Amino acid sequence: MREKTPPGIVQEAASVPVKAPARLPASPGGRLARWLVSGPPLLYLAVFFAIPTLIMVLASFRFPGDFGGLAPIFYEDETGRHLDLTLENYSRFFSDFLYTELFIKSFAYAALTTLVCLLIAYPLAMLIARSPKKQRDLLVLLVILPFWSNFLIRVYAWMIILGPNSVFLGAFNRVLGVFGLEPVTLLYTPFAVVVGLVYVHLPFMVLPLYANLEKHDPALLDAAQDLGANAWNRFWRVTWPLSLPGVFAGAALVFIPAFGIFAIPDILGGTSGIMIGNVIKQQFLDTRDWPFGSVLSIVLTVTAVALAGLAAAFARRSRL
């Protein structure tokens, strides 16, 4: 017969703290290997992101030069040499609501682009994930195929498709005529901007969703079906929650570049599709007001980083 342990002994054993095993000191070879792996990316980020960002922050507090660019950072008078810095550029941004409107407009374009990409990419990614292996590889190849051609060439192709003499526009206006509607123009409109943004950024939504949906266990859907869940409930209660990390990753990859892009609005939108990226480009290249362009760039960067942080926070919560 098995002896019972007295309760007091059990309580004493439970109260004894358990020490975690001591961590062995890392060997010099292990530290060197870690630095060899993490060093080049850190150096790349420091040289091409951190240092330019610091230069841009400093430029935002300076005056524009007489012929554009930046004025000297020091000036001299009778009392000596002084730093020539100012907050006028930030005051100009916060006092003129025009730039806030452009940020809101750019946010709306990016949000609409993200939503349309999600609506198109989710069923496509699900189709790819549930296809046989041979067909799956071919479908993934077709998704990344546009990356093999130049970005500007693909955007200019949409100028031909949406242009006033295109076959597509002629057929579209004939359909409108059947319903008694007036013909329309598509090029240099907000519609053309959204079409271009969706076309360029759609693969960035498809690939994270596919990578997520491919890992789902089909047994979960079978179990839900055995419990009486219909197709919609199986999707909404099983597939959708499991795919949220892919949704947030794809949304971040689409929204952030679409928020600050300038080439597509320039080419397809004209003056009606101007976004904050176009204004930043004009400040640096046309008016050559580098300090104010730096202010706009900093605000855009801070906004994009904040939105990326929110997406990461929601993605972490969805994994819990």
Protein backbone atom coordinates (compact mmCIF):
# COMPACT_ATOMS: atom_id res chain seq x y z
CA MET A 1 0.00 0.00 0.00
CA ARG A 2 1.36 3.46 -1.02
CA GLU A 3 2.29 5.74 1.88
CA LYS A 4 0.81 9.22 1.99
CA THR A 5 3.08 12.19 2.39
CA PRO A 6 2.15 14.32 5.41
CA PRO A 7 0.61 17.70 4.45
CA GLY A 8 3.23 19.65 6.36
CA ILE A 9 6.04 18.20 4.31
CA VAL A 10 4.20 19.04 1.10
CA GLN A 11 3.73 22.65 2.21
CA GLU A 12 7.37 22.98 3.20
CA ALA A 13 8.49 21.54 -0.12
CA ALA A 14 6.20 23.93 -1.98
CA SER A 15 7.57 26.90 -0.07
CA VAL A 16 11.19 26.11 -0.93
CA PRO A 17 12.24 28.41 -3.81
CA VAL A 18 13.44 26.62 -6.91
CA LYS A 19 16.59 28.13 -8.33
CA ALA A 20 16.83 28.50 -12.06
CA PRO A 21 19.85 26.82 -13.61
CA ALA A 22 22.76 29.21 -13.85
CA ARG A 23 23.43 30.54 -17.34
CA LEU A 24 26.83 29.69 -18.68
CA PRO A 25 28.89 32.69 -19.79
CA ALA A 26 28.90 33.16 -23.52
CA SER A 27 32.09 32.13 -25.18
CA PRO A 28 34.09 34.70 -27.19
CA GLY A 29 33.39 32.70 -30.33
CA GLY A 30 29.62 32.85 -29.70
CA ARG A 31 29.69 36.62 -29.16
CA LEU A 32 31.73 37.06 -32.32
CA ALA A 33 29.27 34.95 -34.30
CA ARG A 34 26.34 37.03 -33.01
CA TRP A 35 28.08 40.26 -33.98
CA LEU A 36 28.92 38.89 -37.42
CA VAL A 37 25.23 38.07 -37.94
CA SER A 38 23.66 41.19 -36.41
CA GLY A 39 26.44 43.67 -37.15
CA PRO A 40 25.89 44.25 -40.90
CA PRO A 41 22.12 44.92 -40.57
CA LEU A 42 22.74 47.27 -37.62
CA LEU A 43 25.45 49.07 -39.57
CA TYR A 44 23.16 49.36 -42.59
CA LEU A 45 20.34 50.83 -40.46
CA ALA A 46 22.75 53.26 -38.78
CA VAL A 47 24.27 54.51 -42.03
CA PHE A 48 21.18 54.64 -44.22
CA PHE A 49 18.43 55.36 -41.68
CA ALA A 50 19.59 56.66 -38.30
CA ILE A 51 22.22 59.12 -39.53
CA PRO A 52 20.06 60.56 -42.38
CA THR A 53 17.18 60.90 -39.91
CA LEU A 54 19.38 62.88 -37.51
CA ILE A 55 20.54 65.09 -40.39
CA MET A 56 16.92 65.68 -41.37
CA VAL A 57 15.96 66.54 -37.77
CA LEU A 58 18.79 69.09 -37.59
CA ALA A 59 17.81 70.53 -41.00
CA SER A 60 14.24 71.06 -39.80
CA PHE A 61 15.49 73.66 -37.28
CA ARG A 62 17.54 75.62 -39.83
CA PHE A 63 16.72 78.43 -42.23
CA PRO A 64 16.54 77.92 -46.01
CA GLY A 65 19.46 79.30 -47.98
CA ASP A 66 19.23 82.35 -50.21
CA PHE A 67 19.30 80.13 -53.31
CA GLY A 68 17.64 77.09 -51.74
CA GLY A 69 19.04 74.31 -49.65
CA LEU A 70 20.21 75.21 -46.15
CA ALA A 71 21.58 78.45 -44.74
CA PRO A 72 24.81 78.27 -42.74
CA ILE A 73 24.24 76.81 -39.30
CA PHE A 74 26.31 79.60 -37.68
CA TYR A 75 26.13 83.34 -38.13
CA GLU A 76 28.45 86.03 -36.83
CA ASP A 77 27.71 89.51 -35.52
CA GLU A 78 29.35 92.02 -33.25
CA THR A 79 28.85 89.79 -30.20
CA GLY A 80 30.43 86.70 -31.73
CA ARG A 81 29.41 83.46 -33.41
CA HIS A 82 25.93 82.00 -32.82
CA LEU A 83 23.85 79.00 -33.84
CA ASP A 84 21.26 80.01 -36.45
CA LEU A 85 18.34 77.71 -35.52
CA THR A 86 14.60 78.35 -35.55
CA LEU A 87 11.19 76.83 -34.84
CA GLU A 88 9.52 78.73 -37.68
CA ASN A 89 9.28 75.64 -39.88
CA TYR A 90 7.28 73.73 -37.27
CA SER A 91 5.17 76.82 -36.60
CA ARG A 92 4.41 77.07 -40.32
CA PHE A 93 3.28 73.43 -40.43
CA PHE A 94 1.01 73.60 -37.39
CA SER A 95 -0.45 77.02 -38.29
CA ASP A 96 -1.47 76.10 -41.87
CA PHE A 97 -4.27 73.54 -41.98
CA LEU A 98 -3.54 72.84 -45.66
CA TYR A 99 -0.76 70.44 -44.73
CA THR A 100 -2.95 68.68 -42.18
CA GLU A 101 -5.59 68.24 -44.88
CA LEU A 102 -2.97 66.69 -47.15
CA PHE A 103 -1.97 64.28 -44.38
CA ILE A 104 -5.63 63.33 -43.87
CA LYS A 105 -6.09 62.91 -47.63
CA SER A 106 -2.97 60.73 -47.85
CA PHE A 107 -4.19 58.71 -44.87
CA ALA A 108 -7.54 58.16 -46.62
CA TYR A 109 -5.83 57.05 -49.85
CA ALA A 110 -3.57 54.64 -47.94
CA ALA A 111 -6.43 53.26 -45.83
CA LEU A 112 -8.64 52.70 -48.89
CA THR A 113 -5.74 51.05 -50.71
CA THR A 114 -5.13 48.76 -47.73
CA LEU A 115 -8.81 47.80 -47.53
CA VAL A 116 -9.12 47.06 -51.25
CA CYS A 117 -5.87 45.06 -51.20
CA LEU A 118 -7.17 43.03 -48.26
CA LEU A 119 -10.50 42.29 -49.99
CA ILE A 120 -8.70 41.12 -53.13
CA ALA A 121 -5.70 39.42 -51.51
CA TYR A 122 -7.48 37.37 -48.84
CA PRO A 123 -9.45 35.06 -51.16
CA LEU A 124 -6.45 34.88 -53.52
CA ALA A 125 -4.10 33.92 -50.69
CA MET A 126 -6.60 31.35 -49.43
CA LEU A 127 -6.88 29.89 -52.93
CA ILE A 128 -3.08 29.61 -53.18
CA ALA A 129 -2.74 28.09 -49.70
CA ARG A 130 -5.36 25.40 -50.44
CA SER A 131 -4.07 24.54 -53.91
CA PRO A 132 -1.93 21.46 -54.66
CA LYS A 133 1.80 21.89 -54.29
CA LYS A 134 2.60 22.24 -58.01
CA GLN A 135 -0.16 24.78 -58.65
CA ARG A 136 0.73 26.64 -55.46
CA ASP A 137 4.29 27.30 -56.60
CA LEU A 138 3.05 28.57 -59.96
CA LEU A 139 0.49 30.88 -58.34
CA VAL A 140 3.10 32.34 -55.97
CA LEU A 141 5.35 32.92 -58.97
CA LEU A 142 2.55 34.80 -60.73
CA VAL A 143 2.06 36.98 -57.65
CA ILE A 144 5.71 38.06 -57.54
CA LEU A 145 6.05 38.27 -61.34
CA PRO A 146 5.33 42.06 -61.49
CA PHE A 147 8.47 42.66 -59.40
CA TRP A 148 10.53 41.50 -62.36
CA SER A 149 9.67 44.64 -64.34
CA ASN A 150 10.44 48.27 -63.58
CA PHE A 151 8.07 50.09 -61.24
CA LEU A 152 7.68 53.18 -63.45
CA ILE A 153 7.06 51.10 -66.57
CA ARG A 154 4.19 49.33 -64.83
CA VAL A 155 2.70 52.64 -63.67
CA TYR A 156 3.02 54.20 -67.12
CA ALA A 157 1.22 51.15 -68.52
CA TRP A 158 -1.80 52.19 -66.47
CA MET A 159 -1.68 55.58 -68.19
CA ILE A 160 -2.30 53.73 -71.45
CA ILE A 161 -5.03 51.53 -69.95
CA LEU A 162 -6.90 54.45 -68.34
CA GLY A 163 -6.12 57.03 -71.05
CA PRO A 164 -8.82 58.79 -73.10
CA ASN A 165 -8.10 56.69 -76.21
CA SER A 166 -7.84 53.31 -74.50
CA VAL A 167 -10.01 50.34 -75.41
CA PHE A 168 -10.89 49.84 -71.76
CA LEU A 169 -12.24 53.37 -71.33
CA GLY A 170 -14.18 53.15 -74.60
CA ALA A 171 -15.85 49.91 -73.54
CA PHE A 172 -16.55 51.31 -70.07
CA ASN A 173 -18.22 54.44 -71.49
CA ARG A 174 -20.32 52.35 -73.88
CA VAL A 175 -21.61 50.38 -70.90
CA LEU A 176 -22.43 53.66 -69.15
CA GLY A 177 -24.25 54.83 -72.31
CA VAL A 178 -26.50 51.76 -72.19
CA PHE A 179 -27.73 52.93 -68.79
CA GLY A 180 -28.11 56.52 -69.99
CA LEU A 181 -25.08 57.85 -68.12
CA GLU A 182 -22.55 60.39 -69.35
CA PRO A 183 -19.08 59.23 -70.39
CA VAL A 184 -16.31 59.69 -67.84
CA THR A 185 -12.56 60.12 -67.80
CA LEU A 186 -10.48 57.88 -65.55
CA LEU A 187 -6.96 59.24 -65.94
CA TYR A 188 -5.86 62.05 -63.57
CA THR A 189 -8.60 61.24 -61.07
CA PRO A 190 -8.59 59.84 -57.52
CA PHE A 191 -9.88 56.59 -59.01
CA ALA A 192 -6.72 56.25 -61.11
CA VAL A 193 -4.56 56.90 -58.03
CA VAL A 194 -6.30 54.17 -56.03
CA VAL A 195 -6.07 51.73 -58.94
CA GLY A 196 -2.34 52.37 -59.26
CA LEU A 197 -1.76 52.07 -55.52
CA VAL A 198 -3.69 48.80 -55.30
CA TYR A 199 -1.90 47.34 -58.32
CA VAL A 200 1.57 48.17 -56.98
CA HIS A 201 0.98 47.10 -53.36
CA LEU A 202 -1.26 44.05 -53.82
CA PRO A 203 1.61 41.49 -53.70
CA PHE A 204 2.69 42.90 -50.32
CA MET A 205 -0.70 41.89 -48.95
CA VAL A 206 -0.94 38.52 -50.69
CA LEU A 207 2.42 37.13 -49.57
CA PRO A 208 2.03 37.61 -45.75
CA LEU A 209 -1.52 36.26 -45.90
CA TYR A 210 -0.41 33.24 -47.90
CA ALA A 211 2.47 32.56 -45.49
CA ASN A 212 -0.02 32.62 -42.61
CA LEU A 213 -2.88 30.67 -44.19
CA GLU A 214 -0.55 27.93 -45.39
CA LYS A 215 0.27 27.02 -41.77
CA HIS A 216 -3.35 26.53 -40.65
CA ASP A 217 -4.22 23.01 -39.54
CA PRO A 218 -7.19 21.67 -41.59
CA ALA A 219 -8.16 19.51 -38.62
CA LEU A 220 -9.43 22.64 -36.87
CA LEU A 221 -11.97 23.25 -39.64
CA ASP A 222 -12.97 19.58 -39.60
CA ALA A 223 -13.52 19.75 -35.85
CA ALA A 224 -15.62 22.90 -36.22
CA GLN A 225 -17.69 21.21 -38.93
CA ASP A 226 -18.22 18.16 -36.70
CA LEU A 227 -19.52 20.51 -34.00
CA GLY A 228 -22.14 21.87 -36.42
CA ALA A 229 -20.49 25.09 -37.64
CA ASN A 230 -21.43 26.14 -41.17
CA ALA A 231 -18.93 27.51 -43.71
CA TRP A 232 -19.30 31.13 -42.56
CA ASN A 233 -18.88 30.26 -38.86
CA ARG A 234 -15.84 28.11 -39.64
CA PHE A 235 -14.25 31.03 -41.43
CA TRP A 236 -15.20 33.71 -38.90
CA ARG A 237 -14.49 31.68 -35.74
CA VAL A 238 -11.43 29.69 -36.90
CA THR A 239 -9.73 30.95 -40.06
CA TRP A 240 -10.07 34.70 -39.56
CA PRO A 241 -8.70 34.87 -35.98
CA LEU A 242 -5.75 32.65 -36.91
CA SER A 243 -4.98 34.81 -39.94
CA LEU A 244 -4.92 38.14 -38.08
CA PRO A 245 -1.10 38.24 -37.77
CA GLY A 246 -0.88 37.95 -41.56
CA VAL A 247 -3.58 40.61 -41.97
CA PHE A 248 -1.73 43.07 -39.72
CA ALA A 249 1.62 42.35 -41.40
CA GLY A 250 0.13 42.85 -44.85
CA ALA A 251 -1.69 46.00 -43.77
CA ALA A 252 1.55 47.50 -42.46
CA LEU A 253 3.45 46.58 -45.64
CA VAL A 254 0.75 48.21 -47.79
CA PHE A 255 -0.32 51.20 -45.70
CA ILE A 256 3.09 52.64 -44.77
CA PRO A 257 4.57 52.91 -48.32
CA ALA A 258 1.21 53.98 -49.77
CA PHE A 259 0.99 56.76 -47.16
CA GLY A 260 4.14 58.53 -48.36
CA ILE A 261 4.30 57.59 -52.05
CA PHE A 262 4.60 60.34 -54.66
CA ALA A 263 5.28 58.68 -58.05
CA ILE A 264 1.80 57.20 -58.59
CA PRO A 265 -0.11 60.40 -57.69
CA ASP A 266 2.26 62.35 -59.94
CA ILE A 267 1.76 60.06 -62.93
CA LEU A 268 -1.86 58.95 -62.60
CA GLY A 269 -3.48 61.58 -60.38
CA GLY A 270 -2.29 64.93 -61.68
CA THR A 271 -3.26 67.88 -59.52
CA SER A 272 -6.41 66.19 -58.20
CA GLY A 273 -4.50 63.26 -56.67
CA ILE A 274 -1.72 65.14 -54.88
CA MET A 275 -0.58 63.55 -51.61
CA ILE A 276 1.82 64.56 -48.86
CA GLY A 277 4.66 62.71 -50.59
CA ASN A 278 4.25 65.02 -53.60
CA VAL A 279 4.53 68.09 -51.36
CA ILE A 280 7.71 66.74 -49.75
CA LYS A 281 9.21 66.12 -53.19
CA GLN A 282 8.28 69.66 -54.27
CA GLN A 283 9.87 71.17 -51.18
CA PHE A 284 13.18 69.40 -51.81
CA LEU A 285 13.39 69.49 -55.62
CA ASP A 286 11.24 72.40 -56.86
CA THR A 287 11.07 75.15 -54.23
CA ARG A 288 14.28 73.87 -52.56
CA ASP A 289 12.96 74.67 -49.10
CA TRP A 290 14.84 71.85 -47.41
CA PRO A 291 14.03 72.82 -43.78
CA PHE A 292 10.27 72.72 -44.33
CA GLY A 293 10.59 69.57 -46.42
CA SER A 294 12.45 68.03 -43.48
CA VAL A 295 9.59 68.99 -41.14
CA LEU A 296 7.06 67.27 -43.41
CA SER A 297 9.31 64.22 -43.66
CA ILE A 298 9.70 64.00 -39.89
CA VAL A 299 5.95 64.24 -39.31
CA LEU A 300 5.39 61.58 -41.96
CA THR A 301 8.03 59.30 -40.42
CA VAL A 302 6.65 59.69 -36.89
CA THR A 303 3.13 58.98 -38.12
CA ALA A 304 4.23 55.90 -40.05
CA VAL A 305 6.23 54.55 -37.08
CA ALA A 306 3.27 55.13 -34.74
CA LEU A 307 0.92 53.29 -37.11
CA ALA A 308 3.44 50.45 -37.45
CA GLY A 309 3.61 50.22 -33.66
CA LEU A 310 -0.18 50.01 -33.44
CA ALA A 311 -0.23 47.26 -36.06
CA ALA A 312 2.44 45.33 -34.14
CA ALA A 313 0.51 45.75 -30.88
CA PHE A 314 -2.70 44.45 -32.45
CA ALA A 315 -0.77 41.54 -33.98
CA ARG A 316 0.64 40.60 -30.56
CA ARG A 317 -2.80 40.75 -28.99
CA SER A 318 -4.23 38.54 -31.72
CA ARG A 319 -1.65 35.84 -30.91
CA LEU A 320 -2.71 35.69 -27.25
